[in-house]
Amino acid sequence: MLKLINDSVVDIIPFNIYASIYYNVSANVNTYHVKKLALNKRLKQLKDLDYKKRKKSDKLFILGSGSSINDITAEQWGHINEHDSIGFNFWVVHDFVPTFYVYEENLELNRNQVFYNILNERKADYINTPLIVKDVEYKGLSTDLIPSELIDNIYLSTEIVIPYSNEYHVEKFLNKGKDFFESQNSHSVNLLLKKSASISYLLHLSQVLGYKEVILCGIDLNNSLYFYEHESYKSKVTPIQDYETSKVHPTNIRTESNLPIEIVVNLIKNTYLKDSNMKLYVASKKSSLHPKLDCYF
């Protein structure tokens, strides 16, 4: 309903008025929905996470599923392990257990079941890892599929989706949201933004958690090859994918409703993160984000 209303008025109301209304209405509607779900399912919200007790470093490695993950050496994994990390979505297939884990459910039931089968296999490894679930206001949460051993690790996140699909308005929207999000997240993580792909959400989360250096690992974007397609993972249960692996990743393709995530990352870096003193890197030169982002290793 919110999306239908938005699509009807986005080009009619003056930008500053529209952006202010959109931020406040989205915040209230989504916060209400997530809070209601948390109460009904007896789950915690992200604002309840004492992340300061979890942090051991000001350096964060964001772990994506791109094939360049397989290029990371044992020595580099040792370095990553000395700092903090966030794995997301099907990262759970990988042996490395991150500091934090973020995922969202899939609207396709078969894929959703595959994900929870893998999570169930890894439940012992993730017993001490906070599991942050986003997009619940849209995709819900299958609490009956979550391993009972991990139910206390679940934290529901509340987000605001950037409504535009062109650079000009996304940039203006990001700048408009700086003060709004700072007031919302002054004492805890209450609201996060997202656009086009999980990495936009994770960059905002990294900034709110106070990291000074963030390194994007396995965020390749110029193809759809995944680390778990390597022969070393053949014996494991792997996700279902239907992408043509030789082509650009779907999140990095411009469509009528989607702005390529490569552009979104650059806009976030040059607007929302500009005054945060957070340095952003990629772990591999294979990423399409290089050389706009320096290579960390």
C-alpha atoms as a PDB file:
ATOM      1  CA  MET A   1       0.000   0.000   0.000  1.00  0.00           C
ATOM      2  CA  LEU A   2       2.831   2.370   0.933  1.00  0.00           C
ATOM      3  CA  LYS A   3       4.521   1.673  -2.410  1.00  0.00           C
ATOM      4  CA  LEU A   4       1.345   2.376  -4.377  1.00  0.00           C
ATOM      5  CA  ILE A   5       0.810   5.675  -2.581  1.00  0.00           C
ATOM      6  CA  ASN A   6       4.457   6.598  -3.113  1.00  0.00           C
ATOM      7  CA  ASP A   7       4.361   5.877  -6.844  1.00  0.00           C
ATOM      8  CA  SER A   8       1.310   8.130  -7.168  1.00  0.00           C
ATOM      9  CA  VAL A   9       2.781  11.225  -5.484  1.00  0.00           C
ATOM     10  CA  VAL A  10       6.559  10.988  -5.964  1.00  0.00           C
ATOM     11  CA  ASP A  11       6.584  13.274  -9.019  1.00  0.00           C
ATOM     12  CA  ILE A  12       3.873  15.644  -7.832  1.00  0.00           C
ATOM     13  CA  ILE A  13       4.995  16.926  -4.420  1.00  0.00           C
ATOM     14  CA  PRO A  14       8.106  19.196  -4.226  1.00  0.00           C
ATOM     15  CA  PHE A  15      11.174  17.100  -3.410  1.00  0.00           C
ATOM     16  CA  ASN A  16      12.050  18.419   0.064  1.00  0.00           C
ATOM     17  CA  ILE A  17       8.475  18.143   1.272  1.00  0.00           C
ATOM     18  CA  TYR A  18       8.077  14.701  -0.269  1.00  0.00           C
ATOM     19  CA  ALA A  19      11.379  13.391   1.167  1.00  0.00           C
ATOM     20  CA  SER A  20      10.509  14.616   4.658  1.00  0.00           C
ATOM     21  CA  ILE A  21       7.053  13.011   4.517  1.00  0.00           C
ATOM     22  CA  TYR A  22       8.469   9.802   3.049  1.00  0.00           C
ATOM     23  CA  TYR A  23      11.132   9.409   5.744  1.00  0.00           C
ATOM     24  CA  ASN A  24       8.697   9.982   8.588  1.00  0.00           C
ATOM     25  CA  VAL A  25       5.826   7.892   7.216  1.00  0.00           C
ATOM     26  CA  SER A  26       8.109   4.997   6.249  1.00  0.00           C
ATOM     27  CA  ALA A  27       9.821   5.097   9.630  1.00  0.00           C
ATOM     28  CA  ASN A  28       6.541   4.988  11.534  1.00  0.00           C
ATOM     29  CA  VAL A  29       4.841   2.358   9.370  1.00  0.00           C
ATOM     30  CA  ASN A  30       7.842   0.003   9.180  1.00  0.00           C
ATOM     31  CA  THR A  31       8.751   0.450  12.850  1.00  0.00           C
ATOM     32  CA  TYR A  32       5.192  -0.426  13.834  1.00  0.00           C
ATOM     33  CA  HIS A  33       5.166  -3.507  11.607  1.00  0.00           C
ATOM     34  CA  VAL A  34       8.528  -4.838  12.825  1.00  0.00           C
ATOM     35  CA  LYS A  35       7.700  -4.119  16.468  1.00  0.00           C
ATOM     36  CA  LYS A  36       4.399  -5.955  16.116  1.00  0.00           C
ATOM     37  CA  LEU A  37       6.110  -8.967  14.543  1.00  0.00           C
ATOM     38  CA  ALA A  38       8.774  -8.969  17.264  1.00  0.00           C
ATOM     39  CA  LEU A  39       6.128  -8.924  19.999  1.00  0.00           C
ATOM     40  CA  ASN A  40       3.993 -11.622  18.367  1.00  0.00           C
ATOM     41  CA  LYS A  41       6.970 -13.930  17.807  1.00  0.00           C
ATOM     42  CA  ARG A  42       8.771 -12.946  21.018  1.00  0.00           C
ATOM     43  CA  LEU A  43      11.871 -11.867  19.136  1.00  0.00           C
ATOM     44  CA  LYS A  44      14.363  -9.078  19.721  1.00  0.00           C
ATOM     45  CA  GLN A  45      14.850  -6.052  17.498  1.00  0.00           C
ATOM     46  CA  LEU A  46      18.160  -4.750  16.190  1.00  0.00           C
ATOM     47  CA  LYS A  47      17.999  -1.850  18.624  1.00  0.00           C
ATOM     48  CA  ASP A  48      18.284  -4.452  21.429  1.00  0.00           C
ATOM     49  CA  LEU A  49      21.659  -5.695  20.177  1.00  0.00           C
ATOM     50  CA  ASP A  50      24.542  -4.627  22.422  1.00  0.00           C
ATOM     51  CA  TYR A  51      26.963  -4.404  19.515  1.00  0.00           C
ATOM     52  CA  LYS A  52      29.629  -2.618  21.570  1.00  0.00           C
ATOM     53  CA  LYS A  53      30.236  -5.836  23.498  1.00  0.00           C
ATOM     54  CA  ARG A  54      30.661  -7.701  20.202  1.00  0.00           C
ATOM     55  CA  LYS A  55      33.114  -5.293  18.594  1.00  0.00           C
ATOM     56  CA  LYS A  56      36.807  -6.037  18.943  1.00  0.00           C
ATOM     57  CA  SER A  57      38.039  -3.698  16.227  1.00  0.00           C
ATOM     58  CA  ASP A  58      37.325  -0.513  14.295  1.00  0.00           C
ATOM     59  CA  LYS A  59      37.881  -2.470  11.091  1.00  0.00           C
ATOM     60  CA  LEU A  60      35.037  -4.432   9.482  1.00  0.00           C
ATOM     61  CA  PHE A  61      35.120  -6.945   6.626  1.00  0.00           C
ATOM     62  CA  ILE A  62      31.824  -7.346   4.754  1.00  0.00           C
ATOM     63  CA  LEU A  63      31.708 -10.864   3.325  1.00  0.00           C
ATOM     64  CA  GLY A  64      29.791 -11.289   0.075  1.00  0.00           C
ATOM     65  CA  SER A  65      29.384 -14.412  -2.037  1.00  0.00           C
ATOM     66  CA  GLY A  66      31.294 -13.425  -5.177  1.00  0.00           C
ATOM     67  CA  SER A  67      33.846 -15.874  -6.587  1.00  0.00           C
ATOM     68  CA  SER A  68      36.800 -13.650  -5.589  1.00  0.00           C
ATOM     69  CA  ILE A  69      36.276 -14.923  -2.038  1.00  0.00           C
ATOM     70  CA  ASN A  70      38.142 -18.044  -3.153  1.00  0.00           C
ATOM     71  CA  ASP A  71      41.233 -15.913  -3.856  1.00  0.00           C
ATOM     72  CA  ILE A  72      41.615 -14.866  -0.224  1.00  0.00           C
ATOM     73  CA  THR A  73      44.695 -16.570   1.214  1.00  0.00           C
ATOM     74  CA  ALA A  74      45.017 -18.335   4.560  1.00  0.00           C
ATOM     75  CA  GLU A  75      47.158 -15.465   5.798  1.00  0.00           C
ATOM     76  CA  GLN A  76      44.508 -12.954   4.776  1.00  0.00           C
ATOM     77  CA  TRP A  77      41.790 -14.988   6.505  1.00  0.00           C
ATOM     78  CA  GLY A  78      43.920 -14.867   9.633  1.00  0.00           C
ATOM     79  CA  HIS A  79      44.003 -11.078   9.343  1.00  0.00           C
ATOM     80  CA  ILE A  80      40.229 -10.913   8.798  1.00  0.00           C
ATOM     81  CA  ASN A  81      39.720 -13.068  11.877  1.00  0.00           C
ATOM     82  CA  GLU A  82      41.631 -10.550  13.996  1.00  0.00           C
ATOM     83  CA  HIS A  83      38.981  -7.944  13.202  1.00  0.00           C
ATOM     84  CA  ASP A  84      35.185  -7.826  12.866  1.00  0.00           C
ATOM     85  CA  SER A  85      33.138  -9.172   9.983  1.00  0.00           C
ATOM     86  CA  ILE A  86      29.589  -9.379   8.632  1.00  0.00           C
ATOM     87  CA  GLY A  87      28.467 -12.255   6.437  1.00  0.00           C
ATOM     88  CA  PHE A  88      25.170 -11.997   4.604  1.00  0.00           C
ATOM     89  CA  ASN A  89      22.575 -14.124   2.831  1.00  0.00           C
ATOM     90  CA  PHE A  90      24.218 -17.363   1.627  1.00  0.00           C
ATOM     91  CA  TRP A  91      27.516 -16.637   3.340  1.00  0.00           C
ATOM     92  CA  VAL A  92      26.458 -19.358   5.773  1.00  0.00           C
ATOM     93  CA  VAL A  93      27.770 -21.903   3.225  1.00  0.00           C
ATOM     94  CA  HIS A  94      31.344 -20.733   3.897  1.00  0.00           C
ATOM     95  CA  ASP A  95      33.440 -22.234   6.704  1.00  0.00           C
ATOM     96  CA  PHE A  96      34.402 -18.834   8.130  1.00  0.00           C
ATOM     97  CA  VAL A  97      32.005 -17.693  10.879  1.00  0.00           C
ATOM     98  CA  PRO A  98      31.607 -13.883  10.987  1.00  0.00           C
ATOM     99  CA  THR A  99      31.079 -11.564  13.952  1.00  0.00           C
ATOM    100  CA  PHE A 100      27.601 -10.661  12.693  1.00  0.00           C
ATOM    101  CA  TYR A 101      25.338 -12.314  10.154  1.00  0.00           C
ATOM    102  CA  VAL A 102      22.615 -10.610   8.102  1.00  0.00           C
ATOM    103  CA  TYR A 103      20.004 -12.300   5.961  1.00  0.00           C
ATOM    104  CA  GLU A 104      16.588 -11.872   4.446  1.00  0.00           C
ATOM    105  CA  GLU A 105      14.025 -14.457   3.486  1.00  0.00           C
ATOM    106  CA  ASN A 106      13.258 -15.321  -0.117  1.00  0.00           C
ATOM    107  CA  LEU A 107       9.713 -15.009  -1.416  1.00  0.00           C
ATOM    108  CA  GLU A 108      10.240 -18.232  -3.340  1.00  0.00           C
ATOM    109  CA  LEU A 109       9.496 -21.002  -0.850  1.00  0.00           C
ATOM    110  CA  ASN A 110      11.903 -23.525  -2.352  1.00  0.00           C
ATOM    111  CA  ARG A 111      14.875 -21.162  -2.052  1.00  0.00           C
ATOM    112  CA  ASN A 112      13.798 -20.219   1.441  1.00  0.00           C
ATOM    113  CA  GLN A 113      13.742 -23.867   2.478  1.00  0.00           C
ATOM    114  CA  VAL A 114      17.224 -24.428   1.004  1.00  0.00           C
ATOM    115  CA  PHE A 115      18.563 -21.506   3.014  1.00  0.00           C
ATOM    116  CA  TYR A 116      17.140 -22.793   6.289  1.00  0.00           C
ATOM    117  CA  ASN A 117      18.411 -26.299   5.568  1.00  0.00           C
ATOM    118  CA  ILE A 118      21.919 -24.880   5.309  1.00  0.00           C
ATOM    119  CA  LEU A 119      21.466 -22.732   8.422  1.00  0.00           C
ATOM    120  CA  ASN A 120      20.296 -25.807  10.322  1.00  0.00           C
ATOM    121  CA  GLU A 121      23.456 -27.646   9.283  1.00  0.00           C
ATOM    122  CA  ARG A 122      25.561 -24.747  10.560  1.00  0.00           C
ATOM    123  CA  LYS A 123      23.627 -23.991  13.743  1.00  0.00           C
ATOM    124  CA  ALA A 124      26.404 -25.168  16.069  1.00  0.00           C
ATOM    125  CA  ASP A 125      28.881 -22.829  14.370  1.00  0.00           C
ATOM    126  CA  TYR A 126      26.533 -19.827  14.667  1.00  0.00           C
ATOM    127  CA  ILE A 127      25.441 -20.402  18.245  1.00  0.00           C
ATOM    128  CA  ASN A 128      27.212 -17.223  19.422  1.00  0.00           C
ATOM    129  CA  THR A 129      26.576 -15.072  16.339  1.00  0.00           C
ATOM    130  CA  PRO A 130      23.857 -12.381  16.196  1.00  0.00           C
ATOM    131  CA  LEU A 131      21.541 -13.120  13.249  1.00  0.00           C
ATOM    132  CA  ILE A 132      20.113  -9.858  11.906  1.00  0.00           C
ATOM    133  CA  VAL A 133      17.049 -10.325   9.693  1.00  0.00           C
ATOM    134  CA  LYS A 134      16.105  -7.500   7.342  1.00  0.00           C
ATOM    135  CA  ASP A 135      13.165  -6.931   4.977  1.00  0.00           C
ATOM    136  CA  VAL A 136      10.725  -8.535   7.419  1.00  0.00           C
ATOM    137  CA  GLU A 137       8.179  -5.764   6.818  1.00  0.00           C
ATOM    138  CA  TYR A 138       8.005  -7.015   3.222  1.00  0.00           C
ATOM    139  CA  LYS A 139       9.040 -10.675   3.288  1.00  0.00           C
ATOM    140  CA  GLY A 140       8.016 -11.734   6.785  1.00  0.00           C
ATOM    141  CA  LEU A 141       9.834 -14.361   8.833  1.00  0.00           C
ATOM    142  CA  SER A 142       9.398 -18.145   8.912  1.00  0.00           C
ATOM    143  CA  THR A 143      10.068 -18.620  12.608  1.00  0.00           C
ATOM    144  CA  ASP A 144       9.078 -22.272  12.326  1.00  0.00           C
ATOM    145  CA  LEU A 145      12.096 -22.867  10.043  1.00  0.00           C
ATOM    146  CA  ILE A 146      14.655 -21.158  12.272  1.00  0.00           C
ATOM    147  CA  PRO A 147      16.651 -23.725  14.286  1.00  0.00           C
ATOM    148  CA  SER A 148      15.411 -23.555  17.877  1.00  0.00           C
ATOM    149  CA  GLU A 149      19.011 -23.271  19.071  1.00  0.00           C
ATOM    150  CA  LEU A 150      19.355 -19.967  17.178  1.00  0.00           C
ATOM    151  CA  ILE A 151      16.009 -18.326  17.895  1.00  0.00           C
ATOM    152  CA  ASP A 152      17.500 -16.213  20.707  1.00  0.00           C
ATOM    153  CA  ASN A 153      20.146 -14.937  18.287  1.00  0.00           C
ATOM    154  CA  ILE A 154      17.548 -13.348  15.980  1.00  0.00           C
ATOM    155  CA  TYR A 155      17.325  -9.539  15.761  1.00  0.00           C
ATOM    156  CA  LEU A 156      14.719  -7.943  13.497  1.00  0.00           C
ATOM    157  CA  SER A 157      15.852  -4.906  11.549  1.00  0.00           C
ATOM    158  CA  THR A 158      13.752  -1.944  10.407  1.00  0.00           C
ATOM    159  CA  GLU A 159      14.641  -0.215   7.136  1.00  0.00           C
ATOM    160  CA  ILE A 160      13.627   2.568   4.811  1.00  0.00           C
ATOM    161  CA  VAL A 161      13.880   1.932   1.066  1.00  0.00           C
ATOM    162  CA  ILE A 162      15.218   4.755  -1.103  1.00  0.00           C
ATOM    163  CA  PRO A 163      12.277   5.317  -3.494  1.00  0.00           C
ATOM    164  CA  TYR A 164      14.084   6.742  -6.524  1.00  0.00           C
ATOM    165  CA  SER A 165      15.878   4.982  -9.395  1.00  0.00           C
ATOM    166  CA  ASN A 166      18.018   7.778 -10.819  1.00  0.00           C
ATOM    167  CA  GLU A 167      21.310   9.207  -9.581  1.00  0.00           C
ATOM    168  CA  TYR A 168      20.112  12.771  -9.152  1.00  0.00           C
ATOM    169  CA  HIS A 169      17.213  12.016  -6.817  1.00  0.00           C
ATOM    170  CA  VAL A 170      19.007   9.239  -4.910  1.00  0.00           C
ATOM    171  CA  GLU A 171      21.842  11.656  -4.143  1.00  0.00           C
ATOM    172  CA  LYS A 172      19.396  14.327  -2.964  1.00  0.00           C
ATOM    173  CA  PHE A 173      17.479  11.752  -0.916  1.00  0.00           C
ATOM    174  CA  LEU A 174      20.680  10.540   0.799  1.00  0.00           C
ATOM    175  CA  ASN A 175      21.716  14.075   1.693  1.00  0.00           C
ATOM    176  CA  LYS A 176      18.229  14.826   2.991  1.00  0.00           C
ATOM    177  CA  GLY A 177      18.333  11.740   5.219  1.00  0.00           C
ATOM    178  CA  LYS A 178      21.582  12.472   7.082  1.00  0.00           C
ATOM    179  CA  ASP A 179      20.063  14.434   9.953  1.00  0.00           C
ATOM    180  CA  PHE A 180      17.001  12.204  10.072  1.00  0.00           C
ATOM    181  CA  PHE A 181      18.987   8.986  10.534  1.00  0.00           C
ATOM    182  CA  GLU A 182      21.415  10.573  12.985  1.00  0.00           C
ATOM    183  CA  SER A 183      18.496  11.504  15.234  1.00  0.00           C
ATOM    184  CA  GLN A 184      16.892   8.072  14.859  1.00  0.00           C
ATOM    185  CA  ASN A 185      20.129   6.146  15.581  1.00  0.00           C
ATOM    186  CA  SER A 186      21.527   8.402  18.297  1.00  0.00           C
ATOM    187  CA  HIS A 187      21.520   5.750  21.043  1.00  0.00           C
ATOM    188  CA  SER A 188      20.903   2.457  19.229  1.00  0.00           C
ATOM    189  CA  VAL A 189      20.380   1.047  15.734  1.00  0.00           C
ATOM    190  CA  ASN A 190      16.736   1.916  15.074  1.00  0.00           C
ATOM    191  CA  LEU A 191      16.537   2.497  11.318  1.00  0.00           C
ATOM    192  CA  LEU A 192      18.703   1.716   8.309  1.00  0.00           C
ATOM    193  CA  LEU A 193      18.392   2.572   4.627  1.00  0.00           C
ATOM    194  CA  LYS A 194      18.631   0.289   1.625  1.00  0.00           C
ATOM    195  CA  LYS A 195      18.603   0.521  -2.149  1.00  0.00           C
ATOM    196  CA  SER A 196      19.065  -2.069  -4.938  1.00  0.00           C
ATOM    197  CA  ALA A 197      21.051  -4.647  -2.902  1.00  0.00           C
ATOM    198  CA  SER A 198      22.082  -5.714   0.596  1.00  0.00           C
ATOM    199  CA  ILE A 199      25.414  -3.907   0.364  1.00  0.00           C
ATOM    200  CA  SER A 200      23.683  -0.503   0.621  1.00  0.00           C
ATOM    201  CA  TYR A 201      22.085  -1.628   3.891  1.00  0.00           C
ATOM    202  CA  LEU A 202      25.380  -3.047   5.165  1.00  0.00           C
ATOM    203  CA  LEU A 203      27.261   0.171   4.465  1.00  0.00           C
ATOM    204  CA  HIS A 204      24.752   2.124   6.537  1.00  0.00           C
ATOM    205  CA  LEU A 205      24.898  -0.491   9.295  1.00  0.00           C
ATOM    206  CA  SER A 206      28.713  -0.281   9.289  1.00  0.00           C
ATOM    207  CA  GLN A 207      28.544   3.481   9.680  1.00  0.00           C
ATOM    208  CA  VAL A 208      26.016   3.336  12.526  1.00  0.00           C
ATOM    209  CA  LEU A 209      28.116   0.705  14.336  1.00  0.00           C
ATOM    210  CA  GLY A 210      31.031   3.121  14.236  1.00  0.00           C
ATOM    211  CA  TYR A 211      33.582   1.325  12.063  1.00  0.00           C
ATOM    212  CA  LYS A 212      36.459   3.402  10.702  1.00  0.00           C
ATOM    213  CA  GLU A 213      37.552   1.052   7.917  1.00  0.00           C
ATOM    214  CA  VAL A 214      35.245  -1.198   5.896  1.00  0.00           C
ATOM    215  CA  ILE A 215      36.504  -3.739   3.379  1.00  0.00           C
ATOM    216  CA  LEU A 216      34.108  -5.247   0.825  1.00  0.00           C
ATOM    217  CA  CYS A 217      35.023  -8.886   0.152  1.00  0.00           C
ATOM    218  CA  GLY A 218      33.356 -10.919  -2.585  1.00  0.00           C
ATOM    219  CA  ILE A 219      31.389  -7.917  -3.859  1.00  0.00           C
ATOM    220  CA  ASP A 220      32.378  -8.508  -7.486  1.00  0.00           C
ATOM    221  CA  LEU A 221      29.244  -7.334  -9.372  1.00  0.00           C
ATOM    222  CA  ASN A 222      30.762  -7.738 -12.859  1.00  0.00           C
ATOM    223  CA  ASN A 223      29.596 -11.368 -13.016  1.00  0.00           C
ATOM    224  CA  SER A 224      27.263 -13.741 -11.185  1.00  0.00           C
ATOM    225  CA  LEU A 225      29.804 -16.366 -10.162  1.00  0.00           C
ATOM    226  CA  TYR A 226      29.614 -17.434  -6.523  1.00  0.00           C
ATOM    227  CA  PHE A 227      32.333 -18.820  -4.285  1.00  0.00           C
ATOM    228  CA  TYR A 228      30.276 -21.915  -3.512  1.00  0.00           C
ATOM    229  CA  GLU A 229      30.187 -22.937  -7.178  1.00  0.00           C
ATOM    230  CA  HIS A 230      33.811 -24.008  -6.817  1.00  0.00           C
ATOM    231  CA  GLU A 231      34.353 -27.790  -6.920  1.00  0.00           C
ATOM    232  CA  SER A 232      35.456 -27.754  -3.263  1.00  0.00           C
ATOM    233  CA  TYR A 233      31.826 -27.057  -2.311  1.00  0.00           C
ATOM    234  CA  LYS A 234      30.255 -29.790  -4.426  1.00  0.00           C
ATOM    235  CA  SER A 235      29.692 -32.056  -1.438  1.00  0.00           C
ATOM    236  CA  LYS A 236      27.748 -29.332   0.403  1.00  0.00           C
ATOM    237  CA  VAL A 237      24.181 -28.192   0.017  1.00  0.00           C
ATOM    238  CA  THR A 238      24.347 -25.052  -2.090  1.00  0.00           C
ATOM    239  CA  PRO A 239      21.824 -22.326  -2.913  1.00  0.00           C
ATOM    240  CA  ILE A 240      19.633 -22.367  -5.977  1.00  0.00           C
ATOM    241  CA  GLN A 241      20.604 -19.731  -8.542  1.00  0.00           C
ATOM    242  CA  ASP A 242      19.154 -18.993 -11.963  1.00  0.00           C
ATOM    243  CA  TYR A 243      21.510 -16.256 -13.131  1.00  0.00           C
ATOM    244  CA  GLU A 244      23.726 -16.450 -16.199  1.00  0.00           C
ATOM    245  CA  THR A 245      27.035 -16.475 -14.381  1.00  0.00           C
ATOM    246  CA  SER A 246      29.024 -14.809 -17.159  1.00  0.00           C
ATOM    247  CA  LYS A 247      26.850 -11.701 -17.065  1.00  0.00           C
ATOM    248  CA  VAL A 248      26.798  -8.715 -14.750  1.00  0.00           C
ATOM    249  CA  HIS A 249      25.170  -9.424 -11.386  1.00  0.00           C
ATOM    250  CA  PRO A 250      21.411  -8.610 -11.468  1.00  0.00           C
ATOM    251  CA  THR A 251      21.785  -5.971  -8.740  1.00  0.00           C
ATOM    252  CA  ASN A 252      24.250  -4.099 -10.947  1.00  0.00           C
ATOM    253  CA  ILE A 253      21.946  -3.769 -13.959  1.00  0.00           C
ATOM    254  CA  ARG A 254      19.989  -0.601 -14.629  1.00  0.00           C
ATOM    255  CA  THR A 255      16.257  -1.123 -15.072  1.00  0.00           C
ATOM    256  CA  GLU A 256      13.193   1.084 -14.836  1.00  0.00           C
ATOM    257  CA  SER A 257      12.972   0.377 -11.105  1.00  0.00           C
ATOM    258  CA  ASN A 258      16.607  -0.388 -10.245  1.00  0.00           C
ATOM    259  CA  LEU A 259      19.716   1.759 -10.055  1.00  0.00           C
ATOM    260  CA  PRO A 260      22.918  -0.336 -10.422  1.00  0.00           C
ATOM    261  CA  ILE A 261      24.365  -1.025  -6.981  1.00  0.00           C
ATOM    262  CA  GLU A 262      27.795   0.082  -8.202  1.00  0.00           C
ATOM    263  CA  ILE A 263      26.351   3.584  -8.645  1.00  0.00           C
ATOM    264  CA  VAL A 264      24.464   3.389  -5.331  1.00  0.00           C
ATOM    265  CA  VAL A 265      27.664   2.495  -3.451  1.00  0.00           C
ATOM    266  CA  ASN A 266      29.462   5.447  -5.004  1.00  0.00           C
ATOM    267  CA  LEU A 267      26.598   7.796  -4.114  1.00  0.00           C
ATOM    268  CA  ILE A 268      26.542   6.563  -0.512  1.00  0.00           C
ATOM    269  CA  LYS A 269      30.317   6.991  -0.292  1.00  0.00           C
ATOM    270  CA  ASN A 270      30.192  10.550  -1.628  1.00  0.00           C
ATOM    271  CA  THR A 271      27.137  11.705   0.322  1.00  0.00           C
ATOM    272  CA  TYR A 272      26.064   9.818   3.407  1.00  0.00           C
ATOM    273  CA  LEU A 273      29.544   8.582   4.352  1.00  0.00           C
ATOM    274  CA  LYS A 274      31.389  11.715   3.264  1.00  0.00           C
ATOM    275  CA  ASP A 275      31.593  13.230   6.748  1.00  0.00           C
ATOM    276  CA  SER A 276      31.810   9.968   8.704  1.00  0.00           C
ATOM    277  CA  ASN A 277      35.596   9.436   8.304  1.00  0.00           C
ATOM    278  CA  MET A 278      34.848   5.840   7.342  1.00  0.00           C
ATOM    279  CA  LYS A 279      37.322   4.549   4.746  1.00  0.00           C
ATOM    280  CA  LEU A 280      35.937   2.125   2.212  1.00  0.00           C
ATOM    281  CA  TYR A 281      37.942  -0.539   0.351  1.00  0.00           C
ATOM    282  CA  VAL A 282      37.474  -3.649  -1.783  1.00  0.00           C
ATOM    283  CA  ALA A 283      39.402  -6.824  -1.058  1.00  0.00           C
ATOM    284  CA  SER A 284      39.983  -7.684  -4.706  1.00  0.00           C
ATOM    285  CA  LYS A 285      40.804  -5.793  -7.893  1.00  0.00           C
ATOM    286  CA  LYS A 286      38.330  -8.130  -9.632  1.00  0.00           C
ATOM    287  CA  SER A 287      35.477  -6.091  -8.170  1.00  0.00           C
ATOM    288  CA  SER A 288      33.781  -3.625 -10.497  1.00  0.00           C
ATOM    289  CA  LEU A 289      34.034  -1.149  -7.610  1.00  0.00           C
ATOM    290  CA  HIS A 290      37.788  -0.972  -8.216  1.00  0.00           C
ATOM    291  CA  PRO A 291      39.565   1.412  -8.884  1.00  0.00           C
ATOM    292  CA  LYS A 292      36.952   3.852  -7.527  1.00  0.00           C
ATOM    293  CA  LEU A 293      37.575   2.028  -4.266  1.00  0.00           C
ATOM    294  CA  ASP A 294      41.165   1.186  -3.353  1.00  0.00           C
ATOM    295  CA  CYS A 295      42.154  -2.457  -2.983  1.00  0.00           C
ATOM    296  CA  TYR A 296      42.843  -3.366   0.655  1.00  0.00           C
ATOM    297  CA  PHE A 297      45.040  -6.426   0.181  1.00  0.00           C
END
